[in-house]
């Protein structure tokens, strides 16, 4: 993904800018599939677990597919030029040095946790930085608050943390480690303009 190319049947293809990859994993049926190595998991910006819909959501789903599948009516809502423009705006979101240090401290705390065999890499820091910028931009801000970092950490960090086998046996999960470091690492005080408070 980082090379912006794909290989299909030994033939390489360059990906257009921007490109977007969504991968799904069904935790029940693994036949013919293999867990990704940690180095490859680290390349995914975020990981989400959708779970099952509520009863109402599932009933609504059945209503929507009654006559036709909604995917048959999907139309573009933007184009690549607008996405690149949005990406550039996100990259322009200000990150105070205190918030930058906070991101580094959070990721380093995953590496120093005694329950962890392998903590977040520098790519985890970059991903947390970028997603916090995007979250701030979506909310209409041109600067990041520590709360933006805290909001994105549960989606950015857990799949990058490998728990020690003895800790896994005790039921400790990577999500628990993220919650711990969010509680332990001091949060900087930032003013209403995104600078030191």
C-alpha atoms as a PDB file:
ATOM      1  CA  UNK A   1       0.000   0.000   0.000  1.00  0.00           C
ATOM      2  CA  UNK A   2       2.732   2.460   0.907  1.00  0.00           C
ATOM      3  CA  UNK A   3       4.388   1.780  -2.466  1.00  0.00           C
ATOM      4  CA  UNK A   4       1.142   2.844  -4.204  1.00  0.00           C
ATOM      5  CA  UNK A   5       1.181  -0.244  -6.405  1.00  0.00           C
ATOM      6  CA  UNK A   6      -0.572  -3.578  -6.496  1.00  0.00           C
ATOM      7  CA  UNK A   7       0.462  -6.894  -7.981  1.00  0.00           C
ATOM      8  CA  UNK A   8      -2.056  -9.192  -9.626  1.00  0.00           C
ATOM      9  CA  UNK A   9      -0.876 -12.435 -11.248  1.00  0.00           C
ATOM     10  CA  UNK A  10       2.748 -11.199 -11.167  1.00  0.00           C
ATOM     11  CA  UNK A  11       1.841  -7.979 -12.995  1.00  0.00           C
ATOM     12  CA  UNK A  12       2.336  -4.667 -11.202  1.00  0.00           C
ATOM     13  CA  UNK A  13      -0.081  -1.750 -11.479  1.00  0.00           C
ATOM     14  CA  UNK A  14       0.439   1.803 -10.269  1.00  0.00           C
ATOM     15  CA  UNK A  15      -2.416   3.178  -8.187  1.00  0.00           C
ATOM     16  CA  UNK A  16      -3.963   6.548  -8.935  1.00  0.00           C
ATOM     17  CA  UNK A  17      -3.669   9.371  -6.414  1.00  0.00           C
ATOM     18  CA  UNK A  18      -5.606   9.237  -4.213  1.00  0.00           C
ATOM     19  CA  UNK A  19      -6.265   5.579  -3.653  1.00  0.00           C
ATOM     20  CA  UNK A  20      -8.331   4.032  -0.909  1.00  0.00           C
ATOM     21  CA  UNK A  21      -8.221   0.495   0.431  1.00  0.00           C
ATOM     22  CA  UNK A  22     -10.810  -1.147   2.631  1.00  0.00           C
ATOM     23  CA  UNK A  23     -10.148  -4.677   3.839  1.00  0.00           C
ATOM     24  CA  UNK A  24     -12.627  -6.838   5.695  1.00  0.00           C
ATOM     25  CA  UNK A  25     -12.034  -9.790   7.970  1.00  0.00           C
ATOM     26  CA  UNK A  26     -14.635 -12.291   9.042  1.00  0.00           C
ATOM     27  CA  UNK A  27     -13.553 -13.701  12.424  1.00  0.00           C
ATOM     28  CA  UNK A  28     -15.528 -16.909  11.882  1.00  0.00           C
ATOM     29  CA  UNK A  29     -14.370 -18.342   8.560  1.00  0.00           C
ATOM     30  CA  UNK A  30     -10.594 -18.279   8.090  1.00  0.00           C
ATOM     31  CA  UNK A  31     -10.368 -21.125   5.573  1.00  0.00           C
ATOM     32  CA  UNK A  32      -8.183 -20.008   2.696  1.00  0.00           C
ATOM     33  CA  UNK A  33      -7.129 -16.825   4.495  1.00  0.00           C
ATOM     34  CA  UNK A  34      -4.220 -16.106   6.779  1.00  0.00           C
ATOM     35  CA  UNK A  35      -3.704 -13.494   9.489  1.00  0.00           C
ATOM     36  CA  UNK A  36      -1.620 -10.583   8.230  1.00  0.00           C
ATOM     37  CA  UNK A  37       1.883 -10.173   9.645  1.00  0.00           C
ATOM     38  CA  UNK A  38       2.287  -7.293  12.094  1.00  0.00           C
ATOM     39  CA  UNK A  39       4.288  -5.247   9.579  1.00  0.00           C
ATOM     40  CA  UNK A  40       1.354  -5.385   7.156  1.00  0.00           C
ATOM     41  CA  UNK A  41      -1.278  -4.626   9.811  1.00  0.00           C
ATOM     42  CA  UNK A  42       0.745  -1.532  10.694  1.00  0.00           C
ATOM     43  CA  UNK A  43       0.088  -0.185   7.200  1.00  0.00           C
ATOM     44  CA  UNK A  44      -3.660   0.110   7.813  1.00  0.00           C
ATOM     45  CA  UNK A  45      -4.480   3.590   9.089  1.00  0.00           C
ATOM     46  CA  UNK A  46      -7.367   2.516  11.324  1.00  0.00           C
ATOM     47  CA  UNK A  47      -9.251  -0.609  12.343  1.00  0.00           C
ATOM     48  CA  UNK A  48     -12.960  -0.659  13.102  1.00  0.00           C
ATOM     49  CA  UNK A  49     -15.111  -3.436  14.469  1.00  0.00           C
ATOM     50  CA  UNK A  50     -18.691  -3.097  13.302  1.00  0.00           C
ATOM     51  CA  UNK A  51     -20.308  -5.903  15.247  1.00  0.00           C
ATOM     52  CA  UNK A  52     -23.951  -6.749  14.660  1.00  0.00           C
ATOM     53  CA  UNK A  53     -26.630  -4.151  13.933  1.00  0.00           C
ATOM     54  CA  UNK A  54     -29.336  -3.432  16.484  1.00  0.00           C
ATOM     55  CA  UNK A  55     -32.742  -5.057  15.889  1.00  0.00           C
ATOM     56  CA  UNK A  56     -34.089  -1.769  14.477  1.00  0.00           C
ATOM     57  CA  UNK A  57     -31.070  -1.333  12.177  1.00  0.00           C
ATOM     58  CA  UNK A  58     -31.457  -4.881  10.923  1.00  0.00           C
ATOM     59  CA  UNK A  59     -35.181  -4.354  10.272  1.00  0.00           C
ATOM     60  CA  UNK A  60     -34.349  -1.117   8.399  1.00  0.00           C
ATOM     61  CA  UNK A  61     -31.812  -3.071   6.357  1.00  0.00           C
ATOM     62  CA  UNK A  62     -34.510  -5.520   5.298  1.00  0.00           C
ATOM     63  CA  UNK A  63     -36.812  -2.630   4.349  1.00  0.00           C
ATOM     64  CA  UNK A  64     -34.110  -1.075   2.163  1.00  0.00           C
ATOM     65  CA  UNK A  65     -33.473  -4.291   0.216  1.00  0.00           C
ATOM     66  CA  UNK A  66     -37.144  -5.139  -0.292  1.00  0.00           C
ATOM     67  CA  UNK A  67     -37.335  -4.112  -3.969  1.00  0.00           C
ATOM     68  CA  UNK A  68     -33.683  -3.549  -4.869  1.00  0.00           C
ATOM     69  CA  UNK A  69     -30.261  -3.516  -3.304  1.00  0.00           C
ATOM     70  CA  UNK A  70     -29.188   0.028  -2.298  1.00  0.00           C
ATOM     71  CA  UNK A  71     -25.739  -0.543  -3.781  1.00  0.00           C
ATOM     72  CA  UNK A  72     -27.345  -0.564  -7.240  1.00  0.00           C
ATOM     73  CA  UNK A  73     -28.209   3.140  -6.820  1.00  0.00           C
ATOM     74  CA  UNK A  74     -24.878   4.390  -5.459  1.00  0.00           C
ATOM     75  CA  UNK A  75     -23.516   7.417  -7.287  1.00  0.00           C
ATOM     76  CA  UNK A  76     -20.289   9.384  -6.767  1.00  0.00           C
ATOM     77  CA  UNK A  77     -20.478  12.124  -4.149  1.00  0.00           C
ATOM     78  CA  UNK A  78     -17.076  13.629  -4.969  1.00  0.00           C
ATOM     79  CA  UNK A  79     -14.099  13.252  -7.283  1.00  0.00           C
ATOM     80  CA  UNK A  80     -10.366  12.726  -6.827  1.00  0.00           C
ATOM     81  CA  UNK A  81      -9.554  16.440  -7.177  1.00  0.00           C
ATOM     82  CA  UNK A  82     -11.863  17.317  -4.272  1.00  0.00           C
ATOM     83  CA  UNK A  83     -10.434  14.492  -2.149  1.00  0.00           C
ATOM     84  CA  UNK A  84      -6.893  15.787  -2.777  1.00  0.00           C
ATOM     85  CA  UNK A  85      -8.071  19.297  -1.857  1.00  0.00           C
ATOM     86  CA  UNK A  86      -9.531  17.933   1.419  1.00  0.00           C
ATOM     87  CA  UNK A  87      -6.330  15.999   2.124  1.00  0.00           C
ATOM     88  CA  UNK A  88      -4.291  19.194   1.674  1.00  0.00           C
ATOM     89  CA  UNK A  89      -6.629  21.064   4.029  1.00  0.00           C
ATOM     90  CA  UNK A  90      -6.227  18.306   6.639  1.00  0.00           C
ATOM     91  CA  UNK A  91      -2.451  18.524   6.375  1.00  0.00           C
ATOM     92  CA  UNK A  92      -2.728  22.254   7.039  1.00  0.00           C
ATOM     93  CA  UNK A  93      -4.399  21.690  10.425  1.00  0.00           C
ATOM     94  CA  UNK A  94      -2.089  23.131  13.085  1.00  0.00           C
ATOM     95  CA  UNK A  95      -0.496  20.773  15.615  1.00  0.00           C
ATOM     96  CA  UNK A  96       0.986  22.484  18.662  1.00  0.00           C
ATOM     97  CA  UNK A  97       4.374  21.074  19.763  1.00  0.00           C
ATOM     98  CA  UNK A  98       2.742  20.057  23.081  1.00  0.00           C
ATOM     99  CA  UNK A  99       0.155  17.975  21.220  1.00  0.00           C
ATOM    100  CA  UNK A 100       2.863  16.497  18.997  1.00  0.00           C
ATOM    101  CA  UNK A 101       4.780  15.486  22.130  1.00  0.00           C
ATOM    102  CA  UNK A 102       1.576  14.017  23.561  1.00  0.00           C
ATOM    103  CA  UNK A 103       1.190  11.792  20.491  1.00  0.00           C
ATOM    104  CA  UNK A 104       4.789  10.617  20.806  1.00  0.00           C
ATOM    105  CA  UNK A 105       4.354   9.969  24.546  1.00  0.00           C
ATOM    106  CA  UNK A 106       1.215   7.883  23.968  1.00  0.00           C
ATOM    107  CA  UNK A 107       2.844   5.695  21.330  1.00  0.00           C
ATOM    108  CA  UNK A 108       6.053   5.307  23.349  1.00  0.00           C
ATOM    109  CA  UNK A 109       3.966   4.293  26.373  1.00  0.00           C
ATOM    110  CA  UNK A 110       2.622   1.348  24.348  1.00  0.00           C
ATOM    111  CA  UNK A 111       6.207   0.213  23.783  1.00  0.00           C
ATOM    112  CA  UNK A 112       7.122   0.516  27.466  1.00  0.00           C
ATOM    113  CA  UNK A 113       4.087  -1.326  28.841  1.00  0.00           C
ATOM    114  CA  UNK A 114       5.101  -4.577  30.563  1.00  0.00           C
ATOM    115  CA  UNK A 115       2.127  -6.457  29.045  1.00  0.00           C
ATOM    116  CA  UNK A 116       3.266  -5.633  25.509  1.00  0.00           C
ATOM    117  CA  UNK A 117       5.699  -7.603  23.346  1.00  0.00           C
ATOM    118  CA  UNK A 118       5.663  -5.007  20.564  1.00  0.00           C
ATOM    119  CA  UNK A 119       4.234  -1.518  20.862  1.00  0.00           C
ATOM    120  CA  UNK A 120       3.273   1.086  18.307  1.00  0.00           C
ATOM    121  CA  UNK A 121       5.818   1.918  15.609  1.00  0.00           C
ATOM    122  CA  UNK A 122       6.681   5.381  14.294  1.00  0.00           C
ATOM    123  CA  UNK A 123       3.995   4.686  11.673  1.00  0.00           C
ATOM    124  CA  UNK A 124       1.523   4.561  14.589  1.00  0.00           C
ATOM    125  CA  UNK A 125       2.618   8.065  15.621  1.00  0.00           C
ATOM    126  CA  UNK A 126       2.190   9.331  12.057  1.00  0.00           C
ATOM    127  CA  UNK A 127      -1.231   7.706  11.781  1.00  0.00           C
ATOM    128  CA  UNK A 128      -2.403   9.146  15.095  1.00  0.00           C
ATOM    129  CA  UNK A 129      -1.138  12.576  14.032  1.00  0.00           C
ATOM    130  CA  UNK A 130      -2.904  12.455  10.646  1.00  0.00           C
ATOM    131  CA  UNK A 131      -6.193  11.050  11.931  1.00  0.00           C
ATOM    132  CA  UNK A 132      -6.320  13.678  14.691  1.00  0.00           C
ATOM    133  CA  UNK A 133      -5.762  16.354  12.028  1.00  0.00           C
ATOM    134  CA  UNK A 134      -8.586  14.868   9.941  1.00  0.00           C
ATOM    135  CA  UNK A 135     -10.916  14.613  12.928  1.00  0.00           C
ATOM    136  CA  UNK A 136     -10.265  18.260  13.835  1.00  0.00           C
ATOM    137  CA  UNK A 137     -10.878  19.340  10.216  1.00  0.00           C
ATOM    138  CA  UNK A 138     -14.135  17.373  10.019  1.00  0.00           C
ATOM    139  CA  UNK A 139     -15.284  19.182  13.163  1.00  0.00           C
ATOM    140  CA  UNK A 140     -14.423  22.540  11.530  1.00  0.00           C
ATOM    141  CA  UNK A 141     -11.243  23.321  13.488  1.00  0.00           C
ATOM    142  CA  UNK A 142      -7.895  24.366  12.037  1.00  0.00           C
ATOM    143  CA  UNK A 143      -5.957  23.018  15.033  1.00  0.00           C
ATOM    144  CA  UNK A 144      -5.813  19.769  17.009  1.00  0.00           C
ATOM    145  CA  UNK A 145      -6.884  19.432  20.624  1.00  0.00           C
ATOM    146  CA  UNK A 146      -5.608  16.609  22.851  1.00  0.00           C
ATOM    147  CA  UNK A 147      -9.182  15.281  22.867  1.00  0.00           C
ATOM    148  CA  UNK A 148      -8.908  14.750  19.096  1.00  0.00           C
ATOM    149  CA  UNK A 149      -5.871  12.545  19.705  1.00  0.00           C
ATOM    150  CA  UNK A 150      -7.662  10.666  22.494  1.00  0.00           C
ATOM    151  CA  UNK A 151     -10.711  10.177  20.264  1.00  0.00           C
ATOM    152  CA  UNK A 152      -8.664   8.588  17.456  1.00  0.00           C
ATOM    153  CA  UNK A 153      -6.271   6.461  19.555  1.00  0.00           C
ATOM    154  CA  UNK A 154      -8.687   3.497  19.997  1.00  0.00           C
ATOM    155  CA  UNK A 155      -8.999   3.194  16.202  1.00  0.00           C
ATOM    156  CA  UNK A 156      -5.342   3.783  15.327  1.00  0.00           C
ATOM    157  CA  UNK A 157      -3.313   1.971  17.996  1.00  0.00           C
ATOM    158  CA  UNK A 158      -4.769  -1.432  19.008  1.00  0.00           C
ATOM    159  CA  UNK A 159      -3.994  -3.314  15.783  1.00  0.00           C
ATOM    160  CA  UNK A 160      -0.391  -2.150  16.050  1.00  0.00           C
ATOM    161  CA  UNK A 161       0.177  -3.586  19.551  1.00  0.00           C
ATOM    162  CA  UNK A 162       1.209  -7.189  20.178  1.00  0.00           C
ATOM    163  CA  UNK A 163       0.390  -8.478  23.642  1.00  0.00           C
ATOM    164  CA  UNK A 164       2.757 -10.891  25.400  1.00  0.00           C
ATOM    165  CA  UNK A 165       1.429 -14.483  25.321  1.00  0.00           C
ATOM    166  CA  UNK A 166       1.249 -14.693  29.122  1.00  0.00           C
ATOM    167  CA  UNK A 167      -0.746 -11.446  29.199  1.00  0.00           C
ATOM    168  CA  UNK A 168      -3.124 -12.715  26.500  1.00  0.00           C
ATOM    169  CA  UNK A 169      -3.749 -15.811  28.632  1.00  0.00           C
ATOM    170  CA  UNK A 170      -4.823 -13.462  31.442  1.00  0.00           C
ATOM    171  CA  UNK A 171      -7.312 -11.859  29.036  1.00  0.00           C
ATOM    172  CA  UNK A 172      -5.451  -8.619  28.385  1.00  0.00           C
ATOM    173  CA  UNK A 173      -6.150  -7.163  24.958  1.00  0.00           C
ATOM    174  CA  UNK A 174      -4.496  -4.396  22.990  1.00  0.00           C
ATOM    175  CA  UNK A 175      -7.580  -2.199  23.511  1.00  0.00           C
ATOM    176  CA  UNK A 176      -6.916  -2.451  27.273  1.00  0.00           C
ATOM    177  CA  UNK A 177      -3.366  -1.185  26.753  1.00  0.00           C
ATOM    178  CA  UNK A 178      -4.597   1.803  24.744  1.00  0.00           C
ATOM    179  CA  UNK A 179      -7.070   2.656  27.508  1.00  0.00           C
ATOM    180  CA  UNK A 180      -4.250   2.357  30.092  1.00  0.00           C
ATOM    181  CA  UNK A 181      -1.882   4.680  28.243  1.00  0.00           C
ATOM    182  CA  UNK A 182      -4.668   7.204  27.687  1.00  0.00           C
ATOM    183  CA  UNK A 183      -5.223   7.226  31.459  1.00  0.00           C
ATOM    184  CA  UNK A 184      -1.506   7.316  32.365  1.00  0.00           C
ATOM    185  CA  UNK A 185       0.031   9.812  29.936  1.00  0.00           C
ATOM    186  CA  UNK A 186      -0.304  13.452  31.004  1.00  0.00           C
ATOM    187  CA  UNK A 187      -2.594  15.471  28.776  1.00  0.00           C
ATOM    188  CA  UNK A 188      -1.209  18.875  27.743  1.00  0.00           C
ATOM    189  CA  UNK A 189      -3.285  21.975  28.415  1.00  0.00           C
ATOM    190  CA  UNK A 190      -4.052  23.727  25.152  1.00  0.00           C
ATOM    191  CA  UNK A 191      -5.797  27.072  24.740  1.00  0.00           C
ATOM    192  CA  UNK A 192      -8.920  27.720  22.672  1.00  0.00           C
ATOM    193  CA  UNK A 193      -6.687  28.672  19.709  1.00  0.00           C
ATOM    194  CA  UNK A 194      -4.860  25.322  19.691  1.00  0.00           C
ATOM    195  CA  UNK A 195      -1.741  26.790  21.339  1.00  0.00           C
ATOM    196  CA  UNK A 196      -0.390  26.349  24.885  1.00  0.00           C
ATOM    197  CA  UNK A 197      -3.066  27.053  27.530  1.00  0.00           C
END
